[in-house]
C-alpha atoms as a PDB file:
ATOM      1  CA  MET A   1     126.886  68.482 138.363  1.00  0.00           C
ATOM      2  CA  THR A   2     123.682  68.756 139.558  1.00  0.00           C
ATOM      3  CA  PRO A   3     122.174  72.063 138.651  1.00  0.00           C
ATOM      4  CA  VAL A   4     120.321  73.852 141.679  1.00  0.00           C
ATOM      5  CA  SER A   5     117.539  76.445 141.641  1.00  0.00           C
ATOM      6  CA  ILE A   6     118.342  79.358 144.489  1.00  0.00           C
ATOM      7  CA  ILE A   7     115.739  81.518 145.877  1.00  0.00           C
ATOM      8  CA  ILE A   8     116.452  84.652 147.582  1.00  0.00           C
ATOM      9  CA  PRO A   9     113.653  86.699 149.287  1.00  0.00           C
ATOM     10  CA  CYS A  10     114.616  90.374 149.375  1.00  0.00           C
ATOM     11  CA  TYR A  11     112.740  93.331 150.652  1.00  0.00           C
ATOM     12  CA  ASN A  12     114.717  96.288 150.845  1.00  0.00           C
ATOM     13  CA  GLY A  13     117.994  94.483 150.648  1.00  0.00           C
ATOM     14  CA  ALA A  14     120.214  96.981 148.441  1.00  0.00           C
ATOM     15  CA  ALA A  15     122.907  97.358 150.733  1.00  0.00           C
ATOM     16  CA  THR A  16     123.516  93.712 150.539  1.00  0.00           C
ATOM     17  CA  LEU A  17     121.654  92.118 147.715  1.00  0.00           C
ATOM     18  CA  VAL A  18     124.829  92.415 145.041  1.00  0.00           C
ATOM     19  CA  ARG A  19     126.849  90.478 147.613  1.00  0.00           C
ATOM     20  CA  ALA A  20     124.388  87.479 147.856  1.00  0.00           C
ATOM     21  CA  LEU A  21     124.098  87.648 144.110  1.00  0.00           C
ATOM     22  CA  HIS A  22     127.721  87.498 143.414  1.00  0.00           C
ATOM     23  CA  SER A  23     127.813  84.657 146.040  1.00  0.00           C
ATOM     24  CA  CYS A  24     125.615  82.750 143.682  1.00  0.00           C
ATOM     25  CA  ARG A  25     126.979  83.474 140.326  1.00  0.00           C
ATOM     26  CA  ILE A  26     130.394  82.397 140.996  1.00  0.00           C
ATOM     27  CA  GLN A  27     128.912  78.644 141.727  1.00  0.00           C
ATOM     28  CA  PRO A  28     129.009  76.375 138.512  1.00  0.00           C
ATOM     29  CA  GLU A  29     126.282  74.393 140.242  1.00  0.00           C
ATOM     30  CA  ALA A  30     124.035  77.484 140.122  1.00  0.00           C
ATOM     31  CA  ALA A  31     121.763  76.866 137.339  1.00  0.00           C
ATOM     32  CA  GLN A  32     119.020  79.639 138.167  1.00  0.00           C
ATOM     33  CA  ILE A  33     119.096  82.310 140.494  1.00  0.00           C
ATOM     34  CA  ILE A  34     115.438  83.475 141.491  1.00  0.00           C
ATOM     35  CA  VAL A  35     115.188  86.961 143.645  1.00  0.00           C
ATOM     36  CA  VAL A  36     111.842  87.253 144.865  1.00  0.00           C
ATOM     37  CA  ASP A  37     111.298  91.159 145.662  1.00  0.00           C
ATOM     38  CA  ASP A  38     108.932  91.271 148.634  1.00  0.00           C
ATOM     39  CA  GLY A  39     107.751  94.766 147.936  1.00  0.00           C
ATOM     40  CA  SER A  40     110.863  96.954 148.371  1.00  0.00           C
ATOM     41  CA  THR A  41     111.062 100.362 147.926  1.00  0.00           C
ATOM     42  CA  ASP A  42     114.595 100.807 147.878  1.00  0.00           C
ATOM     43  CA  ALA A  43     116.948 100.160 144.592  1.00  0.00           C
ATOM     44  CA  SER A  44     116.662  96.404 145.298  1.00  0.00           C
ATOM     45  CA  VAL A  45     114.526  95.541 141.796  1.00  0.00           C
ATOM     46  CA  ASP A  46     117.324  98.069 139.621  1.00  0.00           C
ATOM     47  CA  LEU A  47     119.977  95.865 141.566  1.00  0.00           C
ATOM     48  CA  VAL A  48     118.668  92.635 140.030  1.00  0.00           C
ATOM     49  CA  ALA A  49     118.048  93.846 136.770  1.00  0.00           C
ATOM     50  CA  GLN A  50     121.669  94.816 136.065  1.00  0.00           C
ATOM     51  CA  CYS A  51     122.902  91.372 137.379  1.00  0.00           C
ATOM     52  CA  GLY A  52     120.309  89.820 135.308  1.00  0.00           C
ATOM     53  CA  SER A  53     121.986  91.973 132.214  1.00  0.00           C
ATOM     54  CA  LEU A  54     125.321  90.507 133.110  1.00  0.00           C
ATOM     55  CA  ASP A  55     124.207  87.060 133.996  1.00  0.00           C
ATOM     56  CA  ALA A  56     121.099  85.261 132.263  1.00  0.00           C
ATOM     57  CA  ARG A  57     121.165  82.884 135.284  1.00  0.00           C
ATOM     58  CA  VAL A  58     119.471  85.605 137.417  1.00  0.00           C
ATOM     59  CA  CYS A  59     115.720  86.513 137.475  1.00  0.00           C
ATOM     60  CA  LEU A  60     113.227  88.319 139.389  1.00  0.00           C
ATOM     61  CA  LEU A  61     109.790  87.818 140.748  1.00  0.00           C
ATOM     62  CA  GLN A  62     108.078  90.498 142.218  1.00  0.00           C
ATOM     63  CA  MET A  63     105.326  90.129 144.680  1.00  0.00           C
ATOM     64  CA  PRO A  64     102.476  92.493 144.727  1.00  0.00           C
ATOM     65  CA  TYR A  65     102.989  93.683 148.253  1.00  0.00           C
ATOM     66  CA  ASN A  66     104.919  92.964 151.199  1.00  0.00           C
ATOM     67  CA  GLY A  67     103.909  89.111 152.614  1.00  0.00           C
ATOM     68  CA  GLY A  68     107.238  88.219 154.376  1.00  0.00           C
ATOM     69  CA  ALA A  69     110.122  86.131 153.316  1.00  0.00           C
ATOM     70  CA  ALA A  70     108.053  82.542 154.080  1.00  0.00           C
ATOM     71  CA  ARG A  71     105.924  83.541 151.189  1.00  0.00           C
ATOM     72  CA  ALA A  72     108.464  84.814 149.033  1.00  0.00           C
ATOM     73  CA  ARG A  73     110.486  81.983 149.356  1.00  0.00           C
ATOM     74  CA  ASN A  74     107.065  79.328 148.498  1.00  0.00           C
ATOM     75  CA  TRP A  75     106.711  81.671 145.200  1.00  0.00           C
ATOM     76  CA  GLY A  76     110.096  81.535 144.009  1.00  0.00           C
ATOM     77  CA  ALA A  77     110.132  77.631 144.865  1.00  0.00           C
ATOM     78  CA  MET A  78     106.895  77.596 142.335  1.00  0.00           C
ATOM     79  CA  HIS A  79     108.613  79.174 139.729  1.00  0.00           C
ATOM     80  CA  ALA A  80     111.992  76.941 140.019  1.00  0.00           C
ATOM     81  CA  SER A  81     113.277  74.977 137.110  1.00  0.00           C
ATOM     82  CA  HIS A  82     115.221  72.677 138.526  1.00  0.00           C
ATOM     83  CA  ASP A  83     114.663  69.944 141.254  1.00  0.00           C
ATOM     84  CA  LEU A  84     117.123  70.766 143.700  1.00  0.00           C
ATOM     85  CA  LEU A  85     116.323  74.208 145.691  1.00  0.00           C
ATOM     86  CA  ALA A  86     118.650  76.481 147.816  1.00  0.00           C
ATOM     87  CA  PHE A  87     117.099  79.126 149.917  1.00  0.00           C
ATOM     88  CA  LEU A  88     119.983  82.090 150.546  1.00  0.00           C
ATOM     89  CA  ASP A  89     118.593  85.406 152.534  1.00  0.00           C
ATOM     90  CA  ALA A  90     119.535  88.396 150.825  1.00  0.00           C
ATOM     91  CA  ASP A  91     122.028  89.415 153.541  1.00  0.00           C
ATOM     92  CA  ASP A  92     123.760  86.375 153.579  1.00  0.00           C
ATOM     93  CA  GLU A  93     126.181  84.767 151.129  1.00  0.00           C
ATOM     94  CA  TYR A  94     127.757  81.275 149.780  1.00  0.00           C
ATOM     95  CA  LEU A  95     131.588  81.023 150.178  1.00  0.00           C
ATOM     96  CA  PRO A  96     133.354  79.204 147.232  1.00  0.00           C
ATOM     97  CA  GLY A  97     132.256  75.848 146.644  1.00  0.00           C
ATOM     98  CA  ALA A  98     129.065  75.933 148.812  1.00  0.00           C
ATOM     99  CA  VAL A  99     126.653  74.727 145.917  1.00  0.00           C
ATOM    100  CA  GLY A 100     129.194  72.198 144.527  1.00  0.00           C
ATOM    101  CA  ALA A 101     129.457  70.553 148.162  1.00  0.00           C
ATOM    102  CA  ALA A 102     125.585  70.425 148.526  1.00  0.00           C
ATOM    103  CA  SER A 103     124.939  69.248 145.120  1.00  0.00           C
ATOM    104  CA  THR A 104     127.630  66.463 145.158  1.00  0.00           C
ATOM    105  CA  PHE A 105     126.477  65.298 148.626  1.00  0.00           C
ATOM    106  CA  LEU A 106     123.253  64.853 147.305  1.00  0.00           C
ATOM    107  CA  ALA A 107     123.888  63.117 144.119  1.00  0.00           C
ATOM    108  CA  GLN A 108     126.412  60.757 146.411  1.00  0.00           C
ATOM    109  CA  HIS A 109     123.170  60.041 148.637  1.00  0.00           C
ATOM    110  CA  PRO A 110     120.092  59.465 146.636  1.00  0.00           C
ATOM    111  CA  ASN A 111     118.050  58.585 149.718  1.00  0.00           C
ATOM    112  CA  GLU A 112     118.911  61.779 151.493  1.00  0.00           C
ATOM    113  CA  MET A 113     116.173  64.357 151.004  1.00  0.00           C
ATOM    114  CA  SER A 114     118.133  67.770 152.001  1.00  0.00           C
ATOM    115  CA  VAL A 115     121.477  68.872 153.421  1.00  0.00           C
ATOM    116  CA  ARG A 116     122.719  71.498 155.359  1.00  0.00           C
ATOM    117  CA  LEU A 117     125.524  73.661 155.004  1.00  0.00           C
ATOM    118  CA  ASP A 118     127.683  74.832 158.176  1.00  0.00           C
ATOM    119  CA  VAL A 119     127.234  78.605 158.932  1.00  0.00           C
ATOM    120  CA  GLU A 120     130.244  81.158 159.547  1.00  0.00           C
ATOM    121  CA  TYR A 121     128.505  83.996 161.911  1.00  0.00           C
ATOM    122  CA  THR A 122     130.465  87.170 161.058  1.00  0.00           C
ATOM    123  CA  ASP A 123     130.926  90.268 163.215  1.00  0.00           C
ATOM    124  CA  PHE A 124     128.407  89.039 165.652  1.00  0.00           C
ATOM    125  CA  PRO A 125     129.269  90.735 169.112  1.00  0.00           C
ATOM    126  CA  ARG A 126     131.753  89.378 171.267  1.00  0.00           C
ATOM    127  CA  VAL A 127     129.645  88.947 174.276  1.00  0.00           C
ATOM    128  CA  LEU A 128     127.976  86.204 172.063  1.00  0.00           C
ATOM    129  CA  THR A 129     130.807  84.958 170.062  1.00  0.00           C
ATOM    130  CA  ALA A 130     133.246  84.459 173.178  1.00  0.00           C
ATOM    131  CA  HIS A 131     130.748  82.487 175.058  1.00  0.00           C
ATOM    132  CA  PRO A 132     131.667  79.026 175.746  1.00  0.00           C
ATOM    133  CA  ASP A 133     128.209  77.302 174.519  1.00  0.00           C
ATOM    134  CA  PHE A 134     128.485  79.599 171.384  1.00  0.00           C
ATOM    135  CA  ALA A 135     129.754  76.829 169.088  1.00  0.00           C
ATOM    136  CA  ALA A 136     127.104  74.710 170.111  1.00  0.00           C
ATOM    137  CA  HIS A 137     124.270  77.076 169.721  1.00  0.00           C
ATOM    138  CA  ALA A 138     125.849  78.224 166.328  1.00  0.00           C
ATOM    139  CA  ALA A 139     125.588  74.325 165.355  1.00  0.00           C
ATOM    140  CA  THR A 140     121.953  74.288 166.244  1.00  0.00           C
ATOM    141  CA  LEU A 141     121.325  77.232 164.144  1.00  0.00           C
ATOM    142  CA  SER A 142     123.111  76.066 161.113  1.00  0.00           C
ATOM    143  CA  ASN A 143     120.644  73.143 161.064  1.00  0.00           C
ATOM    144  CA  THR A 144     117.922  75.830 160.978  1.00  0.00           C
ATOM    145  CA  VAL A 145     118.405  78.715 158.799  1.00  0.00           C
ATOM    146  CA  PRO A 146     117.144  78.956 155.280  1.00  0.00           C
ATOM    147  CA  SER A 147     120.774  79.985 154.038  1.00  0.00           C
ATOM    148  CA  SER A 148     122.169  76.586 154.832  1.00  0.00           C
ATOM    149  CA  LEU A 149     119.561  74.683 153.420  1.00  0.00           C
ATOM    150  CA  PHE A 150     119.525  72.433 150.127  1.00  0.00           C
ATOM    151  CA  ILE A 151     116.518  70.405 149.479  1.00  0.00           C
ATOM    152  CA  ARG A 152     115.016  68.033 147.102  1.00  0.00           C
ATOM    153  CA  ARG A 153     111.624  69.401 145.313  1.00  0.00           C
ATOM    154  CA  SER A 154     109.716  66.598 146.179  1.00  0.00           C
ATOM    155  CA  ALA A 155     110.431  66.859 149.970  1.00  0.00           C
ATOM    156  CA  TYR A 156     110.121  70.732 149.915  1.00  0.00           C
ATOM    157  CA  LEU A 157     106.374  70.063 148.171  1.00  0.00           C
ATOM    158  CA  ALA A 158     105.434  67.163 150.572  1.00  0.00           C
ATOM    159  CA  LEU A 159     106.195  69.509 153.588  1.00  0.00           C
ATOM    160  CA  GLY A 160     104.164  72.204 152.166  1.00  0.00           C
ATOM    161  CA  GLY A 161     106.911  74.720 151.707  1.00  0.00           C
ATOM    162  CA  PHE A 162     107.515  77.140 154.652  1.00  0.00           C
ATOM    163  CA  PRO A 163     104.583  77.914 157.016  1.00  0.00           C
ATOM    164  CA  MET A 164     103.012  81.734 156.250  1.00  0.00           C
ATOM    165  CA  ASP A 165     101.323  82.135 159.468  1.00  0.00           C
ATOM    166  CA  GLU A 166     100.794  85.386 160.353  1.00  0.00           C
ATOM    167  CA  GLY A 167     101.957  84.615 164.056  1.00  0.00           C
ATOM    168  CA  PHE A 168     105.554  83.787 162.638  1.00  0.00           C
ATOM    169  CA  ARG A 169     105.826  87.038 160.854  1.00  0.00           C
ATOM    170  CA  ARG A 170     104.999  88.497 164.208  1.00  0.00           C
ATOM    171  CA  ILE A 171     107.492  86.553 166.385  1.00  0.00           C
ATOM    172  CA  GLY A 172     109.740  84.927 163.735  1.00  0.00           C
ATOM    173  CA  GLY A 173     110.316  81.146 164.067  1.00  0.00           C
ATOM    174  CA  GLU A 174     109.130  79.740 160.595  1.00  0.00           C
ATOM    175  CA  ASP A 175     112.361  78.390 159.756  1.00  0.00           C
ATOM    176  CA  GLY A 176     112.529  76.394 162.786  1.00  0.00           C
ATOM    177  CA  ALA A 177     108.902  74.957 162.389  1.00  0.00           C
ATOM    178  CA  PHE A 178     110.034  74.208 158.665  1.00  0.00           C
ATOM    179  CA  SER A 179     113.209  72.356 160.366  1.00  0.00           C
ATOM    180  CA  TRP A 180     111.513  70.647 163.029  1.00  0.00           C
ATOM    181  CA  ALA A 181     109.381  69.035 160.120  1.00  0.00           C
ATOM    182  CA  LEU A 182     112.153  68.101 157.773  1.00  0.00           C
ATOM    183  CA  ARG A 183     114.246  66.641 160.446  1.00  0.00           C
ATOM    184  CA  ASP A 184     111.280  64.593 161.755  1.00  0.00           C
ATOM    185  CA  ILE A 185     110.110  63.314 158.676  1.00  0.00           C
ATOM    186  CA  PHE A 186     112.925  62.930 156.220  1.00  0.00           C
ATOM    187  CA  GLY A 187     115.941  63.908 158.564  1.00  0.00           C
ATOM    188  CA  ASN A 188     118.110  66.838 158.712  1.00  0.00           C
ATOM    189  CA  PRO A 189     122.042  66.139 157.805  1.00  0.00           C
ATOM    190  CA  ARG A 190     124.554  68.932 157.748  1.00  0.00           C
ATOM    191  CA  LEU A 191     128.333  68.828 156.195  1.00  0.00           C
ATOM    192  CA  ASP A 192     130.059  70.414 159.073  1.00  0.00           C
ATOM    193  CA  ASP A 193     133.694  69.889 157.751  1.00  0.00           C
ATOM    194  CA  ALA A 194     134.072  73.526 156.873  1.00  0.00           C
ATOM    195  CA  LYS A 195     131.939  76.825 156.991  1.00  0.00           C
ATOM    196  CA  ARG A 196     130.242  77.645 153.913  1.00  0.00           C
ATOM    197  CA  VAL A 197     127.406  79.856 154.340  1.00  0.00           C
ATOM    198  CA  ARG A 198     128.503  83.511 155.898  1.00  0.00           C
ATOM    199  CA  MET A 199     125.677  85.281 157.909  1.00  0.00           C
ATOM    200  CA  HIS A 200     126.756  88.837 158.342  1.00  0.00           C
ATOM    201  CA  TYR A 201     125.679  90.428 161.471  1.00  0.00           C
ATOM    202  CA  HIS A 202     123.247  93.875 161.561  1.00  0.00           C
ATOM    203  CA  ALA A 203     121.392  95.471 164.334  1.00  0.00           C
ATOM    204  CA  GLY A 204     117.991  93.674 164.660  1.00  0.00           C
ATOM    205  CA  ILE A 205     119.114  90.382 162.938  1.00  0.00           C
ATOM    206  CA  HIS A 206     117.181  87.370 164.189  1.00  0.00           C
ATOM    207  CA  ALA A 207     120.107  85.286 164.921  1.00  0.00           C
ATOM    208  CA  GLU A 208     121.423  87.685 167.507  1.00  0.00           C
ATOM    209  CA  ARG A 209     117.917  87.285 169.442  1.00  0.00           C
ATOM    210  CA  TYR A 210     118.017  83.619 169.071  1.00  0.00           C
ATOM    211  CA  PHE A 211     121.814  83.625 170.564  1.00  0.00           C
ATOM    212  CA  ARG A 212     120.967  85.989 173.515  1.00  0.00           C
ATOM    213  CA  ILE A 213     118.098  83.907 174.729  1.00  0.00           C
ATOM    214  CA  ALA A 214     119.941  80.632 174.146  1.00  0.00           C
ATOM    215  CA  LEU A 215     122.991  81.648 175.750  1.00  0.00           C
ATOM    216  CA  GLY A 216     120.655  83.291 178.927  1.00  0.00           C
ATOM    217  CA  LEU A 217     121.523  86.625 178.334  1.00  0.00           C
ATOM    218  CA  GLN A 218     117.743  87.715 177.164  1.00  0.00           C
ATOM    219  CA  THR A 219     114.523  86.644 178.585  1.00  0.00           C
ATOM    220  CA  ALA A 220     112.224  85.237 175.864  1.00  0.00           C
ATOM    221  CA  ASN A 221     108.707  86.626 176.092  1.00  0.00           C
ATOM    222  CA  PRO A 222     106.909  83.364 177.633  1.00  0.00           C
ATOM    223  CA  ASP A 223     103.382  84.078 175.181  1.00  0.00           C
ATOM    224  CA  ASP A 224     105.593  84.017 171.976  1.00  0.00           C
ATOM    225  CA  THR A 225     107.344  80.810 173.024  1.00  0.00           C
ATOM    226  CA  ALA A 226     103.940  79.370 173.552  1.00  0.00           C
ATOM    227  CA  ASP A 227     102.800  80.714 170.294  1.00  0.00           C
ATOM    228  CA  ALA A 228     105.737  79.709 168.371  1.00  0.00           C
ATOM    229  CA  PHE A 229     105.625  76.378 169.393  1.00  0.00           C
ATOM    230  CA  HIS A 230     101.954  75.818 169.051  1.00  0.00           C
ATOM    231  CA  LEU A 231     102.500  77.043 165.646  1.00  0.00           C
ATOM    232  CA  SER A 232     105.506  74.937 164.674  1.00  0.00           C
ATOM    233  CA  ARG A 233     103.366  71.869 166.496  1.00  0.00           C
ATOM    234  CA  GLN A 234     100.670  72.420 164.085  1.00  0.00           C
ATOM    235  CA  PHE A 235     102.911  72.581 160.976  1.00  0.00           C
ATOM    236  CA  LEU A 236     104.518  69.272 161.992  1.00  0.00           C
ATOM    237  CA  ASP A 237     101.194  67.792 162.509  1.00  0.00           C
ATOM    238  CA  THR A 238     100.104  68.943 158.876  1.00  0.00           C
ATOM    239  CA  ALA A 239     103.152  67.923 157.426  1.00  0.00           C
ATOM    240  CA  ARG A 240     103.114  64.585 158.831  1.00  0.00           C
ATOM    241  CA  ALA A 241      99.346  63.959 157.792  1.00  0.00           C
ATOM    242  CA  GLY A 242     100.127  65.072 154.296  1.00  0.00           C
ATOM    243  CA  VAL A 243     102.966  62.620 153.837  1.00  0.00           C
ATOM    244  CA  ALA A 244     101.403  60.039 155.363  1.00  0.00           C
ATOM    245  CA  GLN A 245      98.969  60.506 152.698  1.00  0.00           C
ATOM    246  CA  LEU A 246     101.302  60.768 149.937  1.00  0.00           C
ATOM    247  CA  ARG A 247     102.409  57.059 151.177  1.00  0.00           C
ATOM    248  CA  ALA A 248      99.184  55.757 151.563  1.00  0.00           C
ATOM    249  CA  ALA A 249      98.677  56.944 147.998  1.00  0.00           C
ATOM    250  CA  LYS A 250     101.488  55.134 146.585  1.00  0.00           C
ATOM    251  CA  VAL A 251     100.622  51.953 148.203  1.00  0.00           C
ATOM    252  CA  MET A 252      96.963  52.127 146.542  1.00  0.00           C
ATOM    253  CA  LEU A 253      98.387  53.221 143.103  1.00  0.00           C
ATOM    254  CA  HIS A 254     100.562  50.261 143.230  1.00  0.00           C
ATOM    255  CA  ALA A 255      97.855  47.943 144.431  1.00  0.00           C
ATOM    256  CA  PRO A 256      95.693  47.891 141.215  1.00  0.00           C
ATOM    257  CA  ALA A 257      98.804  47.637 138.871  1.00  0.00           C
ATOM    258  CA  GLN A 258      99.653  44.494 141.033  1.00  0.00           C
ATOM    259  CA  ALA A 259      96.281  42.805 141.031  1.00  0.00           C
ATOM    260  CA  ALA A 260      95.689  43.449 137.345  1.00  0.00           C
ATOM    261  CA  GLN A 261      99.028  41.363 136.767  1.00  0.00           C
ATOM    262  CA  ALA A 262      98.294  38.846 139.045  1.00  0.00           C
ATOM    263  CA  ALA A 263      94.390  38.209 137.533  1.00  0.00           C
ATOM    264  CA  PRO A 264      94.030  35.399 135.207  1.00  0.00           C
ATOM    265  CA  ILE A 265      92.915  36.799 131.529  1.00  0.00           C
ATOM    266  CA  ALA A 266      90.020  34.860 130.009  1.00  0.00           C
ATOM    267  CA  PRO A 267      90.185  33.606 126.520  1.00  0.00           C
ATOM    268  CA  GLY A 268      88.960  35.644 123.924  1.00  0.00           C
ATOM    269  CA  SER A 269      88.915  38.908 126.420  1.00  0.00           C
ATOM    270  CA  ALA A 270      89.523  42.177 125.093  1.00  0.00           C
ATOM    271  CA  LEU A 271      92.745  43.997 126.098  1.00  0.00           C
END
């Protein structure tokens, strides 16, 4: 069993947080469950304390002010104790066996840096779910949303974590930018044999906006689209450059050792 650190960003998530925590606590591979409270004004902190008193795996980090989900995820990841990271939104939940499936896949595929789980979209408006193209766009979104992601810490750090640009806070899309960079540099496989993450519908959810635009039921603001693409491309280029530096450093680190092994040792020289 490969242990997993699960990070849950939470901002006023009291209505759904216990459900999310329960879905983590029933997963044997969930070795650490970190809730990052992002300046909540509801009972979220108290609920985490109650769950923590029942399950030592549940712990709380508190942000000094509301800084957005990306910042909260990154802060939680910095405090994770295990090499496999997962990210669950406070209004989503894992289905039984979800964490085990991801953990097993990555144990069996050591060259894969991440894996996605397939998402079940629950109680979304029928005008969306009945559309003939819904399934295709649902699969695309499953490749993007943080709650579907399990990633090795090394890859996560190499990408620089989730982008925290203020532009993304305004228009959304930081998870899409992260997914783009992940897919481009390391690949982004998904287990699509079963639904393992459940996303519950609520008014104002970003997924509804995505579906409405993708299905042609709503027009995207062209300025927002341009800004999102620019910020995403910027994140991708920065991630590529960072990974290239790491790969070059690996070569440079090995080169002196190889040179030392190849160099003859003069008689009487000190070692």
